[in-house]
Protein backbone atom coordinates (compact mmCIF):
# COMPACT_ATOMS: atom_id res chain seq x y z
CA MET A 1 0.00 0.00 0.00
CA ILE A 2 2.62 2.53 1.05
CA GLU A 3 4.44 2.24 -2.29
CA GLN A 4 1.43 3.93 -3.91
CA LEU A 5 2.51 7.13 -2.15
CA THR A 6 6.30 7.06 -2.54
CA PRO A 7 8.28 8.64 -5.38
CA PRO A 8 10.63 6.75 -7.72
CA GLY A 9 13.81 5.55 -6.07
CA VAL A 10 12.12 4.62 -2.79
CA VAL A 11 11.94 0.97 -1.71
CA ALA A 12 8.99 0.08 0.53
CA VAL A 13 8.37 -3.12 2.51
CA GLU A 14 5.25 -3.63 4.61
CA ALA A 15 3.62 -6.28 6.79
CA PHE A 16 0.12 -6.69 8.16
CA ASP A 17 0.97 -8.98 11.07
CA ASP A 18 3.99 -10.25 13.00
CA THR A 19 4.19 -13.80 11.64
CA ASP A 20 7.11 -13.45 9.19
CA THR A 21 10.07 -11.89 10.97
CA GLU A 22 13.85 -12.17 11.17
CA PRO A 23 15.77 -12.31 14.47
CA LEU A 24 16.78 -8.96 15.90
CA HIS A 25 20.43 -8.03 16.07
CA PRO A 26 21.56 -8.05 19.73
CA ALA A 27 21.91 -4.26 19.70
CA GLU A 28 18.35 -3.94 18.39
CA ALA A 29 17.02 -6.44 20.92
CA ALA A 30 18.59 -4.37 23.71
CA LEU A 31 16.40 -1.43 22.70
CA VAL A 32 13.24 -3.35 23.59
CA ALA A 33 14.57 -5.65 26.28
CA ASP A 34 12.27 -4.11 28.88
CA ALA A 35 9.29 -3.53 26.57
CA VAL A 36 6.00 -5.39 26.73
CA GLU A 37 5.49 -8.29 24.31
CA LYS A 38 3.28 -6.28 21.93
CA ARG A 39 5.95 -3.60 21.59
CA ARG A 40 8.69 -6.20 20.97
CA ARG A 41 6.63 -7.88 18.25
CA GLU A 42 5.87 -4.70 16.33
CA PHE A 43 9.46 -3.50 16.75
CA THR A 44 10.79 -6.82 15.39
CA THR A 45 8.49 -6.73 12.38
CA ALA A 46 9.34 -3.11 11.57
CA ARG A 47 13.07 -3.92 11.75
CA THR A 48 12.51 -6.95 9.53
CA CYS A 49 10.82 -4.67 6.99
CA ALA A 50 13.75 -2.28 7.26
CA ARG A 51 16.39 -4.94 6.59
CA ARG A 52 14.45 -6.36 3.66
CA ALA A 53 14.10 -2.86 2.23
CA LEU A 54 17.83 -2.24 2.65
CA ARG A 55 18.66 -5.49 0.85
CA ALA A 56 16.28 -4.57 -1.98
CA LEU A 57 18.12 -1.25 -2.24
CA GLY A 58 21.41 -3.12 -2.59
CA GLN A 59 22.59 -2.23 0.91
CA PRO A 60 23.81 -4.53 3.70
CA ALA A 61 21.07 -5.46 6.16
CA VAL A 62 22.72 -3.72 9.10
CA PRO A 63 21.05 -3.24 12.50
CA VAL A 64 18.71 -0.26 12.52
CA LEU A 65 19.29 1.39 15.87
CA THR A 66 17.82 4.62 17.21
CA GLY A 67 19.30 8.06 17.68
CA GLU A 68 18.08 11.31 19.12
CA ARG A 69 14.35 11.35 19.91
CA GLY A 70 14.06 7.73 18.74
CA ALA A 71 14.80 8.47 15.08
CA PRO A 72 16.06 5.38 13.21
CA LEU A 73 19.74 5.40 12.27
CA TRP A 74 20.32 4.38 8.65
CA PRO A 75 23.56 3.41 6.90
CA ALA A 76 25.66 6.19 5.39
CA GLY A 77 24.14 7.41 2.16
CA VAL A 78 20.67 6.05 2.99
CA VAL A 79 17.52 7.82 4.17
CA GLY A 80 14.42 6.09 5.43
CA SER A 81 11.47 5.96 7.77
CA LEU A 82 9.55 3.40 9.83
CA THR A 83 5.97 3.22 11.03
CA HIS A 84 3.68 0.80 12.79
CA CYS A 85 0.13 0.73 14.10
CA ALA A 86 -2.43 -1.98 14.80
CA GLY A 87 -2.36 -4.38 11.84
CA TYR A 88 0.38 -2.60 9.88
CA ARG A 89 4.17 -2.17 9.88
CA ALA A 90 6.29 -0.60 7.13
CA ALA A 91 9.73 0.67 6.24
CA VAL A 92 10.87 2.81 3.33
CA VAL A 93 14.46 3.53 2.27
CA ALA A 94 16.17 5.41 -0.54
CA ARG A 95 19.63 6.54 -1.55
CA ARG A 96 20.40 10.03 -0.28
CA GLU A 97 21.46 10.97 -3.80
CA ASP A 98 17.86 10.37 -4.92
CA ILE A 99 15.84 11.64 -1.94
CA ARG A 100 16.93 14.13 0.72
CA SER A 101 14.56 12.81 3.40
CA ILE A 102 11.33 10.86 3.77
CA GLY A 103 8.77 10.37 6.51
CA ILE A 104 5.89 7.89 6.64
CA ASP A 105 3.09 7.31 9.11
CA ALA A 106 0.29 4.77 9.46
CA GLU A 107 -2.76 5.13 11.66
CA PRO A 108 -6.01 3.23 12.09
CA ALA A 109 -8.70 4.88 9.96
CA ALA A 110 -10.77 5.91 12.96
CA PRO A 111 -11.52 9.28 14.54
CA LEU A 112 -9.07 10.61 17.10
CA PRO A 113 -9.97 10.18 20.77
CA ASP A 114 -11.87 13.08 22.32
CA GLY A 115 -9.68 16.07 23.00
CA VAL A 116 -6.75 15.06 20.80
CA LEU A 117 -7.73 17.26 17.84
CA ASP A 118 -7.75 20.34 20.06
CA ALA A 119 -4.28 19.39 21.32
CA ILE A 120 -2.63 18.86 17.92
CA ALA A 121 -4.43 21.23 15.55
CA LEU A 122 -4.22 24.94 14.90
CA PRO A 123 -7.55 26.83 14.81
CA GLU A 124 -7.55 26.93 11.01
CA GLU A 125 -6.81 23.21 10.87
CA ARG A 126 -9.73 22.43 13.17
CA ALA A 127 -11.96 24.53 10.92
CA MET A 128 -10.69 22.60 7.89
CA VAL A 129 -11.39 19.24 9.55
CA HIS A 130 -14.91 20.28 10.48
CA ARG A 131 -15.54 21.58 6.97
CA LEU A 132 -14.27 18.41 5.29
CA SER A 133 -16.24 16.22 7.71
CA THR A 134 -19.37 17.95 6.46
CA GLN A 135 -18.50 18.24 2.78
CA ALA A 136 -16.82 14.83 2.34
CA PRO A 137 -17.92 12.57 5.20
CA GLY A 138 -16.35 9.16 5.53
CA PRO A 139 -12.59 9.45 5.95
CA PRO A 140 -11.44 10.40 9.47
CA TRP A 141 -10.05 13.81 8.57
CA ASP A 142 -8.86 14.49 12.10
CA ARG A 143 -6.79 11.29 12.08
CA LEU A 144 -5.40 12.19 8.66
CA LEU A 145 -4.32 15.58 9.98
CA PHE A 146 -2.52 13.90 12.88
CA SER A 147 -0.83 11.40 10.55
CA ALA A 148 0.29 14.12 8.15
CA LYS A 149 1.99 15.96 11.02
CA GLU A 150 3.72 12.76 12.12
CA ALA A 151 5.02 12.09 8.60
CA LEU A 152 6.18 15.69 8.30
CA TYR A 153 8.14 15.46 11.55
CA LYS A 154 9.83 12.23 10.47
CA ALA A 155 10.97 13.93 7.24
CA TRP A 156 11.90 17.22 8.96
CA PHE A 157 13.96 16.02 11.93
CA PRO A 158 16.71 14.18 10.01
CA ILE A 159 17.32 17.33 7.94
CA THR A 160 17.34 19.86 10.77
CA GLY A 161 17.83 18.00 14.05
CA VAL A 162 15.21 20.37 15.44
CA PHE A 163 12.09 19.25 17.30
CA LEU A 164 8.85 20.29 15.59
CA GLY A 165 5.78 20.76 17.74
CA PHE A 166 2.25 20.16 16.53
CA ASP A 167 1.64 23.92 16.63
CA GLU A 168 4.72 24.63 14.50
CA ALA A 169 3.32 23.23 11.28
CA ARG A 170 0.11 23.91 9.38
CA ILE A 171 -1.39 21.17 7.22
CA THR A 172 -3.69 21.86 4.27
CA LEU A 173 -5.46 18.75 3.00
CA HIS A 174 -6.39 18.48 -0.68
CA PRO A 175 -9.09 15.77 -0.91
CA THR A 176 -9.51 16.08 -4.68
CA ASP A 177 -6.14 14.44 -5.37
CA GLY A 178 -5.03 12.80 -2.12
CA THR A 179 -2.27 15.28 -1.37
CA PHE A 180 -1.50 17.77 1.36
CA THR A 181 0.75 20.76 1.91
CA ALA A 182 2.66 21.09 5.17
CA ARG A 183 3.96 24.54 6.05
CA VAL A 184 6.59 24.70 8.77
CA LEU A 185 6.06 27.77 10.94
CA VAL A 186 9.38 27.77 12.81
CA PRO A 187 10.86 31.30 12.62
CA GLY A 188 13.72 31.42 10.16
CA ARG A 189 12.99 27.91 8.90
CA GLY A 190 9.56 28.33 7.33
CA ARG A 191 8.98 26.39 4.16
CA ASP A 192 6.42 24.15 2.49
CA PHE A 193 6.58 20.37 2.15
CA ASP A 194 4.41 18.27 -0.14
CA GLY A 195 2.74 15.08 1.06
CA ARG A 196 0.43 12.34 -0.13
CA TYR A 197 -2.14 10.24 1.70
CA LEU A 198 -4.25 7.14 1.28
CA HIS A 199 -7.25 5.65 3.07
CA ASP A 200 -7.52 1.90 2.46
CA ALA A 201 -8.09 -1.39 4.31
CA GLY A 202 -8.98 0.39 7.54
CA LEU A 203 -5.74 2.40 7.52
CA THR A 204 -4.70 5.99 6.98
CA LEU A 205 -1.24 6.29 5.42
CA THR A 206 0.78 9.46 4.83
CA VAL A 207 4.13 10.19 3.17
CA VAL A 208 6.30 13.31 3.01
CA ALA A 209 9.23 12.94 0.61
CA VAL A 210 11.75 15.78 0.40
CA PRO A 211 13.53 16.00 -2.96
CA ASN A 212 17.16 17.06 -3.32
């Protein structure tokens, strides 16, 4: 599914359960040694997706560890992103010479819990969600907004090393073509990023790919 949203040069591998996995590298296993079983399973599957994606890209299937703020650490010359939610895990990778950065996110296609929209959305974004919910009912527009901000952050942080709060980006959803625009509002760093989204199989998927 996720490959429908990624540009050329990106390798995507996904899984819908945790039945087909590869053993974790000891350094990876140490990252979830104290985690609950559910967390270890989804972590293992996401890392399996990552190694298979790396091999498909012609790269060694090295351990994918975590850096600052939990961001995955990719081999030199490689960019990528991971995501997981109930019933879905995915990894995407690309050569840095082809893509500057990429962020993906998957969420269940269900409305956000009460109160979350107010916490993550700017006033104009809340107005947009309410308008779309009336004009184009069906997709969970509030969940899509949340997912778009998550994908944006995953693409933004590797480039800048700067934390991006929910109130520091404004998302504009374009339901006619399944795209969105993400405007970063950080003073001195403001710019627009393009994204794509998909609702399918009970999932909401978003991708932000930053070209060179």
